[in-house]
Amino acid sequence: ECISACQDCIDILEGDSEAGCEACAAACQACVAECEKHPDDEACVRC
């Protein structure tokens, strides 16, 4: 979901609009919350 939201955000930014930023931030926050459940997994920590 984060990958999809980030790609959408980039596409919208290329059209000179920040309209995708709020949805992107929400998806990224959800990804942070999920990845932080796995503090011993290096990939999750970096993500």
All heavy atoms as atom14 arrays in JSON, in Angstrom:
{
  "sequence": "ECISACQDCIDILEGDSEAGCEACAAACQACVAECEKHPDDEACVRC",
  "atom14_mask": [
    [1, 1, 1, 1, 1, 1, 1, 1, 1, 0, 0, 0, 0, 0],
    [1, 1, 1, 1, 1, 1, 0, 0, 0, 0, 0, 0, 0, 0],
    [1, 1, 1, 1, 1, 1, 1, 1, 0, 0, 0, 0, 0, 0],
    [1, 1, 1, 1, 1, 1, 0, 0, 0, 0, 0, 0, 0, 0],
    [1, 1, 1, 1, 1, 0, 0, 0, 0, 0, 0, 0, 0, 0],
    [1, 1, 1, 1, 1, 1, 0, 0, 0, 0, 0, 0, 0, 0],
    [1, 1, 1, 1, 1, 1, 1, 1, 1, 0, 0, 0, 0, 0],
    [1, 1, 1, 1, 1, 1, 1, 1, 0, 0, 0, 0, 0, 0],
    [1, 1, 1, 1, 1, 1, 0, 0, 0, 0, 0, 0, 0, 0],
    [1, 1, 1, 1, 1, 1, 1, 1, 0, 0, 0, 0, 0, 0],
    [1, 1, 1, 1, 1, 1, 1, 1, 0, 0, 0, 0, 0, 0],
    [1, 1, 1, 1, 1, 1, 1, 1, 0, 0, 0, 0, 0, 0],
    [1, 1, 1, 1, 1, 1, 1, 1, 0, 0, 0, 0, 0, 0],
    [1, 1, 1, 1, 1, 1, 1, 1, 1, 0, 0, 0, 0, 0],
    [1, 1, 1, 1, 0, 0, 0, 0, 0, 0, 0, 0, 0, 0],
    [1, 1, 1, 1, 1, 1, 1, 1, 0, 0, 0, 0, 0, 0],
    [1, 1, 1, 1, 1, 1, 0, 0, 0, 0, 0, 0, 0, 0],
    [1, 1, 1, 1, 1, 1, 1, 1, 1, 0, 0, 0, 0, 0],
    [1, 1, 1, 1, 1, 0, 0, 0, 0, 0, 0, 0, 0, 0],
    [1, 1, 1, 1, 0, 0, 0, 0, 0, 0, 0, 0, 0, 0],
    [1, 1, 1, 1, 1, 1, 0, 0, 0, 0, 0, 0, 0, 0],
    [1, 1, 1, 1, 1, 1, 1, 1, 1, 0, 0, 0, 0, 0],
    [1, 1, 1, 1, 1, 0, 0, 0, 0, 0, 0, 0, 0, 0],
    [1, 1, 1, 1, 1, 1, 0, 0, 0, 0, 0, 0, 0, 0],
    [1, 1, 1, 1, 1, 0, 0, 0, 0, 0, 0, 0, 0, 0],
    [1, 1, 1, 1, 1, 0, 0, 0, 0, 0, 0, 0, 0, 0],
    [1, 1, 1, 1, 1, 0, 0, 0, 0, 0, 0, 0, 0, 0],
    [1, 1, 1, 1, 1, 1, 0, 0, 0, 0, 0, 0, 0, 0],
    [1, 1, 1, 1, 1, 1, 1, 1, 1, 0, 0, 0, 0, 0],
    [1, 1, 1, 1, 1, 0, 0, 0, 0, 0, 0, 0, 0, 0],
    [1, 1, 1, 1, 1, 1, 0, 0, 0, 0, 0, 0, 0, 0],
    [1, 1, 1, 1, 1, 1, 1, 0, 0, 0, 0, 0, 0, 0],
    [1, 1, 1, 1, 1, 0, 0, 0, 0, 0, 0, 0, 0, 0],
    [1, 1, 1, 1, 1, 1, 1, 1, 1, 0, 0, 0, 0, 0],
    [1, 1, 1, 1, 1, 1, 0, 0, 0, 0, 0, 0, 0, 0],
    [1, 1, 1, 1, 1, 1, 1, 1, 1, 0, 0, 0, 0, 0],
    [1, 1, 1, 1, 1, 1, 1, 1, 1, 0, 0, 0, 0, 0],
    [1, 1, 1, 1, 1, 1, 1, 1, 1, 1, 0, 0, 0, 0],
    [1, 1, 1, 1, 1, 1, 1, 0, 0, 0, 0, 0, 0, 0],
    [1, 1, 1, 1, 1, 1, 1, 1, 0, 0, 0, 0, 0, 0],
    [1, 1, 1, 1, 1, 1, 1, 1, 0, 0, 0, 0, 0, 0],
    [1, 1, 1, 1, 1, 1, 1, 1, 1, 0, 0, 0, 0, 0],
    [1, 1, 1, 1, 1, 0, 0, 0, 0, 0, 0, 0, 0, 0],
    [1, 1, 1, 1, 1, 1, 0, 0, 0, 0, 0, 0, 0, 0],
    [1, 1, 1, 1, 1, 1, 1, 0, 0, 0, 0, 0, 0, 0],
    [1, 1, 1, 1, 1, 1, 1, 1, 1, 1, 1, 0, 0, 0],
    [1, 1, 1, 1, 1, 1, 0, 0, 0, 0, 0, 0, 0, 0]
  ],
  "atom14_positions": [
    [[0.83, -1.21, 0.0], [0.0, 0.0, 0.0], [0.86, 1.26, 0.0], [0.53, 2.25, -0.65], [-0.95, -0.02, 1.19], [-2.03, -1.09, 1.04], [-2.92, -1.23, 2.25], [-2.71, -0.54, 3.26], [-3.84, -2.07, 2.17], [0.0, 0.0, 0.0], [0.0, 0.0, 0.0], [0.0, 0.0, 0.0], [0.0, 0.0, 0.0], [0.0, 0.0, 0.0]],
    [[1.97, 1.21, 0.7], [2.88, 2.35, 0.75], [3.51, 2.6, -0.62], [3.59, 3.73, -1.08], [3.95, 2.08, 1.82], [4.97, 3.51, 2.21], [0.0, 0.0, 0.0], [0.0, 0.0, 0.0], [0.0, 0.0, 0.0], [0.0, 0.0, 0.0], [0.0, 0.0, 0.0], [0.0, 0.0, 0.0], [0.0, 0.0, 0.0], [0.0, 0.0, 0.0]],
    [[3.94, 1.54, -1.27], [4.52, 1.65, -2.62], [3.53, 2.31, -3.56], [3.86, 3.23, -4.3], [4.96, 0.27, -3.14], [6.18, -0.24, -2.36], [5.25, 0.33, -4.64], [6.46, -1.73, -2.56], [0.0, 0.0, 0.0], [0.0, 0.0, 0.0], [0.0, 0.0, 0.0], [0.0, 0.0, 0.0], [0.0, 0.0, 0.0], [0.0, 0.0, 0.0]],
    [[2.3, 1.83, -3.52], [1.25, 2.37, -4.4], [0.98, 3.85, -4.1], [0.89, 4.67, -5.03], [-0.03, 1.55, -4.22], [-1.07, 2.06, -5.0], [0.0, 0.0, 0.0], [0.0, 0.0, 0.0], [0.0, 0.0, 0.0], [0.0, 0.0, 0.0], [0.0, 0.0, 0.0], [0.0, 0.0, 0.0], [0.0, 0.0, 0.0], [0.0, 0.0, 0.0]],
    [[0.87, 4.19, -2.83], [0.6, 5.59, -2.44], [1.77, 6.49, -2.83], [1.56, 7.62, -3.31], [0.33, 5.68, -0.95], [0.0, 0.0, 0.0], [0.0, 0.0, 0.0], [0.0, 0.0, 0.0], [0.0, 0.0, 0.0], [0.0, 0.0, 0.0], [0.0, 0.0, 0.0], [0.0, 0.0, 0.0], [0.0, 0.0, 0.0], [0.0, 0.0, 0.0]],
    [[2.99, 6.02, -2.65], [4.16, 6.82, -3.02], [4.22, 7.04, -4.53], [4.52, 8.15, -4.98], [5.45, 6.15, -2.55], [5.77, 6.33, -0.78], [0.0, 0.0, 0.0], [0.0, 0.0, 0.0], [0.0, 0.0, 0.0], [0.0, 0.0, 0.0], [0.0, 0.0, 0.0], [0.0, 0.0, 0.0], [0.0, 0.0, 0.0], [0.0, 0.0, 0.0]],
    [[3.9, 5.99, -5.3], [3.91, 6.15, -6.75], [2.83, 7.14, -7.19], [3.07, 7.98, -8.05], [3.73, 4.81, -7.45], [3.93, 4.89, -8.95], [5.3, 5.44, -9.33], [6.32, 4.87, -9.0], [5.34, 6.58, -10.01], [0.0, 0.0, 0.0], [0.0, 0.0, 0.0], [0.0, 0.0, 0.0], [0.0, 0.0, 0.0], [0.0, 0.0, 0.0]],
    [[1.65, 7.02, -6.59], [0.57, 7.97, -6.9], [1.0, 9.39, -6.55], [0.75, 10.33, -7.3], [-0.71, 7.62, -6.12], [-1.39, 6.37, -6.63], [-1.04, 5.88, -7.74], [-2.28, 5.87, -5.92], [0.0, 0.0, 0.0], [0.0, 0.0, 0.0], [0.0, 0.0, 0.0], [0.0, 0.0, 0.0], [0.0, 0.0, 0.0], [0.0, 0.0, 0.0]],
    [[1.64, 9.55, -5.41], [2.09, 10.87, -4.97], [3.09, 11.45, -5.96], [2.98, 12.62, -6.34], [2.7, 10.77, -3.57], [3.08, 12.37, -2.82], [0.0, 0.0, 0.0], [0.0, 0.0, 0.0], [0.0, 0.0, 0.0], [0.0, 0.0, 0.0], [0.0, 0.0, 0.0], [0.0, 0.0, 0.0], [0.0, 0.0, 0.0], [0.0, 0.0, 0.0]],
    [[4.06, 10.65, -6.39], [5.04, 11.11, -7.38], [4.34, 11.55, -8.66], [4.65, 12.61, -9.2], [6.08, 10.0, -7.68], [7.0, 9.79, -6.47], [6.9, 10.35, -8.92], [7.87, 8.54, -6.58], [0.0, 0.0, 0.0], [0.0, 0.0, 0.0], [0.0, 0.0, 0.0], [0.0, 0.0, 0.0], [0.0, 0.0, 0.0], [0.0, 0.0, 0.0]],
    [[3.4, 10.74, -9.12], [2.67, 11.08, -10.35], [1.93, 12.41, -10.21], [1.94, 13.23, -11.14], [1.68, 9.97, -10.71], [2.37, 8.67, -11.13], [3.59, 8.71, -11.42], [1.69, 7.63, -11.14], [0.0, 0.0, 0.0], [0.0, 0.0, 0.0], [0.0, 0.0, 0.0], [0.0, 0.0, 0.0], [0.0, 0.0, 0.0], [0.0, 0.0, 0.0]],
    [[1.31, 12.62, -9.06], [0.57, 13.86, -8.83], [1.53, 15.05, -8.68], [1.27, 16.13, -9.19], [-0.36, 13.71, -7.61], [-1.47, 12.68, -7.93], [-0.99, 15.05, -7.23], [-2.28, 12.23, -6.73], [0.0, 0.0, 0.0], [0.0, 0.0, 0.0], [0.0, 0.0, 0.0], [0.0, 0.0, 0.0], [0.0, 0.0, 0.0], [0.0, 0.0, 0.0]],
    [[2.66, 14.83, -8.0], [3.66, 15.88, -7.86], [4.18, 16.32, -9.23], [4.43, 17.51, -9.45], [4.84, 15.41, -7.01], [4.59, 15.25, -5.51], [5.76, 14.54, -4.85], [4.33, 16.58, -4.84], [0.0, 0.0, 0.0], [0.0, 0.0, 0.0], [0.0, 0.0, 0.0], [0.0, 0.0, 0.0], [0.0, 0.0, 0.0], [0.0, 0.0, 0.0]],
    [[4.32, 15.37, -10.14], [4.78, 15.7, -11.49], [3.79, 16.61, -12.22], [4.16, 17.31, -13.14], [5.06, 14.43, -12.29], [6.34, 13.74, -11.82], [6.6, 12.41, -12.48], [5.74, 11.93, -13.27], [7.66, 11.83, -12.21], [0.0, 0.0, 0.0], [0.0, 0.0, 0.0], [0.0, 0.0, 0.0], [0.0, 0.0, 0.0], [0.0, 0.0, 0.0]],
    [[2.54, 16.59, -11.77], [1.52, 17.47, -12.32], [1.44, 18.78, -11.53], [0.46, 19.52, -11.64], [0.0, 0.0, 0.0], [0.0, 0.0, 0.0], [0.0, 0.0, 0.0], [0.0, 0.0, 0.0], [0.0, 0.0, 0.0], [0.0, 0.0, 0.0], [0.0, 0.0, 0.0], [0.0, 0.0, 0.0], [0.0, 0.0, 0.0], [0.0, 0.0, 0.0]],
    [[2.46, 19.06, -10.73], [2.55, 20.29, -9.94], [1.44, 20.43, -8.9], [0.89, 21.51, -8.71], [2.6, 21.53, -10.84], [3.91, 21.63, -11.59], [4.93, 21.2, -11.03], [3.9, 22.15, -12.71], [0.0, 0.0, 0.0], [0.0, 0.0, 0.0], [0.0, 0.0, 0.0], [0.0, 0.0, 0.0], [0.0, 0.0, 0.0], [0.0, 0.0, 0.0]],
    [[1.14, 19.33, -8.22], [0.13, 19.37, -7.17], [0.58, 18.49, -6.01], [1.17, 17.43, -6.21], [-1.22, 18.86, -7.69], [-2.13, 18.75, -6.62], [0.0, 0.0, 0.0], [0.0, 0.0, 0.0], [0.0, 0.0, 0.0], [0.0, 0.0, 0.0], [0.0, 0.0, 0.0], [0.0, 0.0, 0.0], [0.0, 0.0, 0.0], [0.0, 0.0, 0.0]],
    [[0.29, 18.94, -4.81], [0.6, 18.16, -3.63], [-0.61, 17.35, -3.16], [-0.63, 16.83, -2.05], [1.12, 19.07, -2.5], [0.11, 20.02, -1.92], [-0.13, 21.27, -2.77], [0.58, 21.49, -3.78], [-1.05, 22.03, -2.43], [0.0, 0.0, 0.0], [0.0, 0.0, 0.0], [0.0, 0.0, 0.0], [0.0, 0.0, 0.0], [0.0, 0.0, 0.0]],
    [[-1.61, 17.2, -4.01], [-2.87, 16.55, -3.64], [-2.7, 15.11, -3.16], [-3.53, 14.61, -2.41], [-3.85, 16.6, -4.82], [0.0, 0.0, 0.0], [0.0, 0.0, 0.0], [0.0, 0.0, 0.0], [0.0, 0.0, 0.0], [0.0, 0.0, 0.0], [0.0, 0.0, 0.0], [0.0, 0.0, 0.0], [0.0, 0.0, 0.0], [0.0, 0.0, 0.0]],
    [[-1.65, 14.43, -3.56], [-1.45, 13.04, -3.14], [-0.66, 12.89, -1.86], [-0.5, 11.78, -1.34], [0.0, 0.0, 0.0], [0.0, 0.0, 0.0], [0.0, 0.0, 0.0], [0.0, 0.0, 0.0], [0.0, 0.0, 0.0], [0.0, 0.0, 0.0], [0.0, 0.0, 0.0], [0.0, 0.0, 0.0], [0.0, 0.0, 0.0], [0.0, 0.0, 0.0]],
    [[-0.16, 13.99, -1.33], [0.74, 13.93, -0.17], [0.07, 13.43, 1.1], [0.67, 12.68, 1.87], [1.38, 15.29, 0.06], [2.57, 15.73, -1.22], [0.0, 0.0, 0.0], [0.0, 0.0, 0.0], [0.0, 0.0, 0.0], [0.0, 0.0, 0.0], [0.0, 0.0, 0.0], [0.0, 0.0, 0.0], [0.0, 0.0, 0.0], [0.0, 0.0, 0.0]],
    [[-1.15, 13.83, 1.34], [-1.82, 13.42, 2.57], [-2.06, 11.91, 2.6], [-1.79, 11.24, 3.6], [-3.14, 14.18, 2.74], [-3.66, 14.13, 4.15], [-4.77, 15.13, 4.4], [-4.94, 16.1, 3.63], [-5.49, 14.92, 5.38], [0.0, 0.0, 0.0], [0.0, 0.0, 0.0], [0.0, 0.0, 0.0], [0.0, 0.0, 0.0], [0.0, 0.0, 0.0]],
    [[-2.53, 11.36, 1.48], [-2.77, 9.91, 1.39], [-1.45, 9.15, 1.48], [-1.37, 8.09, 2.1], [-3.5, 9.57, 0.1], [0.0, 0.0, 0.0], [0.0, 0.0, 0.0], [0.0, 0.0, 0.0], [0.0, 0.0, 0.0], [0.0, 0.0, 0.0], [0.0, 0.0, 0.0], [0.0, 0.0, 0.0], [0.0, 0.0, 0.0], [0.0, 0.0, 0.0]],
    [[-0.42, 9.71, 0.87], [0.9, 9.08, 0.92], [1.42, 9.05, 2.35], [1.91, 8.02, 2.83], [1.87, 9.82, 0.0], [3.49, 9.03, -0.12], [0.0, 0.0, 0.0], [0.0, 0.0, 0.0], [0.0, 0.0, 0.0], [0.0, 0.0, 0.0], [0.0, 0.0, 0.0], [0.0, 0.0, 0.0], [0.0, 0.0, 0.0], [0.0, 0.0, 0.0]],
    [[1.31, 10.16, 3.04], [1.77, 10.22, 4.44], [1.02, 9.2, 5.3], [1.63, 8.53, 6.14], [1.59, 11.63, 4.99], [0.0, 0.0, 0.0], [0.0, 0.0, 0.0], [0.0, 0.0, 0.0], [0.0, 0.0, 0.0], [0.0, 0.0, 0.0], [0.0, 0.0, 0.0], [0.0, 0.0, 0.0], [0.0, 0.0, 0.0], [0.0, 0.0, 0.0]],
    [[-0.28, 9.06, 5.08], [-1.07, 8.11, 5.86], [-0.62, 6.67, 5.59], [-0.47, 5.87, 6.52], [-2.56, 8.27, 5.54], [0.0, 0.0, 0.0], [0.0, 0.0, 0.0], [0.0, 0.0, 0.0], [0.0, 0.0, 0.0], [0.0, 0.0, 0.0], [0.0, 0.0, 0.0], [0.0, 0.0, 0.0], [0.0, 0.0, 0.0], [0.0, 0.0, 0.0]],
    [[-0.38, 6.34, 4.32], [0.07, 4.99, 3.97], [1.46, 4.73, 4.55], [1.74, 3.64, 5.05], [0.07, 4.81, 2.46], [0.0, 0.0, 0.0], [0.0, 0.0, 0.0], [0.0, 0.0, 0.0], [0.0, 0.0, 0.0], [0.0, 0.0, 0.0], [0.0, 0.0, 0.0], [0.0, 0.0, 0.0], [0.0, 0.0, 0.0], [0.0, 0.0, 0.0]],
    [[2.32, 5.73, 4.49], [3.67, 5.59, 5.04], [3.63, 5.43, 6.55], [4.39, 4.64, 7.13], [4.55, 6.76, 4.63], [5.02, 6.76, 2.89], [0.0, 0.0, 0.0], [0.0, 0.0, 0.0], [0.0, 0.0, 0.0], [0.0, 0.0, 0.0], [0.0, 0.0, 0.0], [0.0, 0.0, 0.0], [0.0, 0.0, 0.0], [0.0, 0.0, 0.0]],
    [[2.74, 6.17, 7.22], [2.62, 6.04, 8.68], [2.16, 4.64, 9.05], [2.64, 4.06, 10.03], [1.66, 7.09, 9.23], [2.26, 8.47, 9.26], [1.27, 9.56, 9.63], [0.1, 9.51, 9.28], [1.77, 10.58, 10.31], [0.0, 0.0, 0.0], [0.0, 0.0, 0.0], [0.0, 0.0, 0.0], [0.0, 0.0, 0.0], [0.0, 0.0, 0.0]],
    [[1.23, 4.08, 8.27], [0.76, 2.72, 8.52], [1.9, 1.72, 8.31], [2.03, 0.74, 9.05], [-0.42, 2.39, 7.61], [0.0, 0.0, 0.0], [0.0, 0.0, 0.0], [0.0, 0.0, 0.0], [0.0, 0.0, 0.0], [0.0, 0.0, 0.0], [0.0, 0.0, 0.0], [0.0, 0.0, 0.0], [0.0, 0.0, 0.0], [0.0, 0.0, 0.0]],
    [[2.73, 1.97, 7.31], [3.87, 1.1, 7.04], [4.89, 1.18, 8.18], [5.41, 0.16, 8.62], [4.51, 1.48, 5.7], [5.65, 0.24, 5.05], [0.0, 0.0, 0.0], [0.0, 0.0, 0.0], [0.0, 0.0, 0.0], [0.0, 0.0, 0.0], [0.0, 0.0, 0.0], [0.0, 0.0, 0.0], [0.0, 0.0, 0.0], [0.0, 0.0, 0.0]],
    [[5.13, 2.37, 8.67], [6.04, 2.55, 9.82], [5.52, 1.73, 11.01], [6.28, 0.99, 11.64], [6.17, 4.04, 10.21], [6.87, 4.19, 11.56], [6.92, 4.82, 9.13], [0.0, 0.0, 0.0], [0.0, 0.0, 0.0], [0.0, 0.0, 0.0], [0.0, 0.0, 0.0], [0.0, 0.0, 0.0], [0.0, 0.0, 0.0], [0.0, 0.0, 0.0]],
    [[4.24, 1.86, 11.29], [3.65, 1.17, 12.43], [3.81, -0.35, 12.3], [4.12, -1.04, 13.28], [2.17, 1.53, 12.57], [0.0, 0.0, 0.0], [0.0, 0.0, 0.0], [0.0, 0.0, 0.0], [0.0, 0.0, 0.0], [0.0, 0.0, 0.0], [0.0, 0.0, 0.0], [0.0, 0.0, 0.0], [0.0, 0.0, 0.0], [0.0, 0.0, 0.0]],
    [[3.61, -0.87, 11.11], [3.74, -2.3, 10.86], [5.2, -2.74, 10.96], [5.51, -3.72, 11.61], [3.22, -2.6, 9.47], [2.17, -3.63, 9.25], [1.55, -4.36, 10.4], [0.52, -3.94, 10.9], [2.05, -5.43, 10.77], [0.0, 0.0, 0.0], [0.0, 0.0, 0.0], [0.0, 0.0, 0.0], [0.0, 0.0, 0.0], [0.0, 0.0, 0.0]],
    [[6.09, -1.99, 10.3], [7.51, -2.37, 10.3], [8.12, -2.29, 11.69], [9.0, -3.09, 12.04], [8.29, -1.5, 9.32], [8.0, -1.93, 7.59], [0.0, 0.0, 0.0], [0.0, 0.0, 0.0], [0.0, 0.0, 0.0], [0.0, 0.0, 0.0], [0.0, 0.0, 0.0], [0.0, 0.0, 0.0], [0.0, 0.0, 0.0], [0.0, 0.0, 0.0]],
    [[7.67, -1.34, 12.5], [8.22, -1.2, 13.85], [7.84, -2.36, 14.77], [8.41, -2.52, 15.84], [7.82, 0.14, 14.45], [8.6, 1.29, 13.84], [8.3, 2.64, 14.45], [7.2, 2.82, 15.05], [9.16, 3.54, 14.31], [0.0, 0.0, 0.0], [0.0, 0.0, 0.0], [0.0, 0.0, 0.0], [0.0, 0.0, 0.0], [0.0, 0.0, 0.0]],
    [[6.91, -3.19, 14.32], [6.56, -4.4, 15.08], [7.67, -5.45, 14.97], [7.65, -6.46, 15.69], [5.24, -5.0, 14.57], [4.03, -4.15, 14.85], [2.79, -4.79, 14.26], [1.57, -3.91, 14.46], [0.36, -4.49, 13.82], [0.0, 0.0, 0.0], [0.0, 0.0, 0.0], [0.0, 0.0, 0.0], [0.0, 0.0, 0.0], [0.0, 0.0, 0.0]],
    [[8.63, -5.22, 14.07], [9.69, -6.19, 13.81], [11.06, -5.53, 13.98], [11.83, -5.4, 13.03], [9.55, -6.75, 12.38], [8.16, -7.17, 12.05], [7.6, -8.31, 12.54], [7.21, -6.57, 11.29], [6.36, -8.42, 12.09], [6.1, -7.37, 11.34], [0.0, 0.0, 0.0], [0.0, 0.0, 0.0], [0.0, 0.0, 0.0], [0.0, 0.0, 0.0]],
    [[11.4, -5.12, 15.22], [12.65, -4.38, 15.45], [13.92, -5.21, 15.23], [15.01, -4.65, 15.12], [12.53, -3.93, 16.91], [11.61, -4.93, 17.54], [10.63, -5.3, 16.45], [0.0, 0.0, 0.0], [0.0, 0.0, 0.0], [0.0, 0.0, 0.0], [0.0, 0.0, 0.0], [0.0, 0.0, 0.0], [0.0, 0.0, 0.0], [0.0, 0.0, 0.0]],
    [[13.78, -6.52, 15.16], [14.95, -7.38, 14.94], [15.18, -7.68, 13.46], [16.16, -8.35, 13.12], [14.8, -8.69, 15.72], [14.77, -8.47, 17.22], [15.41, -7.5, 17.69], [14.1, -9.25, 17.92], [0.0, 0.0, 0.0], [0.0, 0.0, 0.0], [0.0, 0.0, 0.0], [0.0, 0.0, 0.0], [0.0, 0.0, 0.0], [0.0, 0.0, 0.0]],
    [[14.29, -7.2, 12.61], [14.43, -7.43, 11.17], [15.01, -6.18, 10.53], [14.37, -5.13, 10.51], [13.06, -7.77, 10.57], [13.16, -8.24, 9.14], [13.58, -7.42, 8.29], [12.83, -9.4, 8.88], [0.0, 0.0, 0.0], [0.0, 0.0, 0.0], [0.0, 0.0, 0.0], [0.0, 0.0, 0.0], [0.0, 0.0, 0.0], [0.0, 0.0, 0.0]],
    [[16.23, -6.3, 10.03], [16.95, -5.14, 9.47], [16.17, -4.47, 8.34], [16.14, -3.24, 8.23], [18.34, -5.56, 9.0], [19.19, -4.4, 8.56], [19.45, -3.35, 9.64], [19.56, -3.7, 10.83], [19.55, -2.16, 9.28], [0.0, 0.0, 0.0], [0.0, 0.0, 0.0], [0.0, 0.0, 0.0], [0.0, 0.0, 0.0], [0.0, 0.0, 0.0]],
    [[15.54, -5.26, 7.48], [14.78, -4.68, 6.36], [13.62, -3.85, 6.88], [13.34, -2.76, 6.36], [14.28, -5.78, 5.43], [0.0, 0.0, 0.0], [0.0, 0.0, 0.0], [0.0, 0.0, 0.0], [0.0, 0.0, 0.0], [0.0, 0.0, 0.0], [0.0, 0.0, 0.0], [0.0, 0.0, 0.0], [0.0, 0.0, 0.0], [0.0, 0.0, 0.0]],
    [[12.95, -4.33, 7.91], [11.83, -3.59, 8.49], [12.29, -2.3, 9.16], [11.64, -1.26, 9.05], [11.07, -4.46, 9.49], [10.11, -5.8, 8.75], [0.0, 0.0, 0.0], [0.0, 0.0, 0.0], [0.0, 0.0, 0.0], [0.0, 0.0, 0.0], [0.0, 0.0, 0.0], [0.0, 0.0, 0.0], [0.0, 0.0, 0.0], [0.0, 0.0, 0.0]],
    [[13.43, -2.37, 9.84], [13.97, -1.18, 10.51], [14.31, -0.11, 9.47], [13.94, 1.06, 9.64], [15.21, -1.55, 11.36], [15.93, -0.32, 11.86], [14.81, -2.45, 12.53], [0.0, 0.0, 0.0], [0.0, 0.0, 0.0], [0.0, 0.0, 0.0], [0.0, 0.0, 0.0], [0.0, 0.0, 0.0], [0.0, 0.0, 0.0], [0.0, 0.0, 0.0]],
    [[15.0, -0.5, 8.4], [15.36, 0.47, 7.35], [14.12, 1.02, 6.67], [14.04, 2.21, 6.36], [16.28, -0.18, 6.31], [17.7, -0.34, 6.76], [18.63, -0.71, 5.61], [18.1, -1.66, 4.67], [18.24, -2.98, 4.74], [18.91, -3.52, 5.73], [17.71, -3.76, 3.82], [0.0, 0.0, 0.0], [0.0, 0.0, 0.0], [0.0, 0.0, 0.0]],
    [[13.14, 0.15, 6.44], [11.9, 0.58, 5.8], [11.19, 1.62, 6.67], [10.75, 2.66, 6.17], [11.0, -0.62, 5.55], [9.54, -0.27, 4.55], [0.0, 0.0, 0.0], [0.0, 0.0, 0.0], [0.0, 0.0, 0.0], [0.0, 0.0, 0.0], [0.0, 0.0, 0.0], [0.0, 0.0, 0.0], [0.0, 0.0, 0.0], [0.0, 0.0, 0.0]]
  ]
}
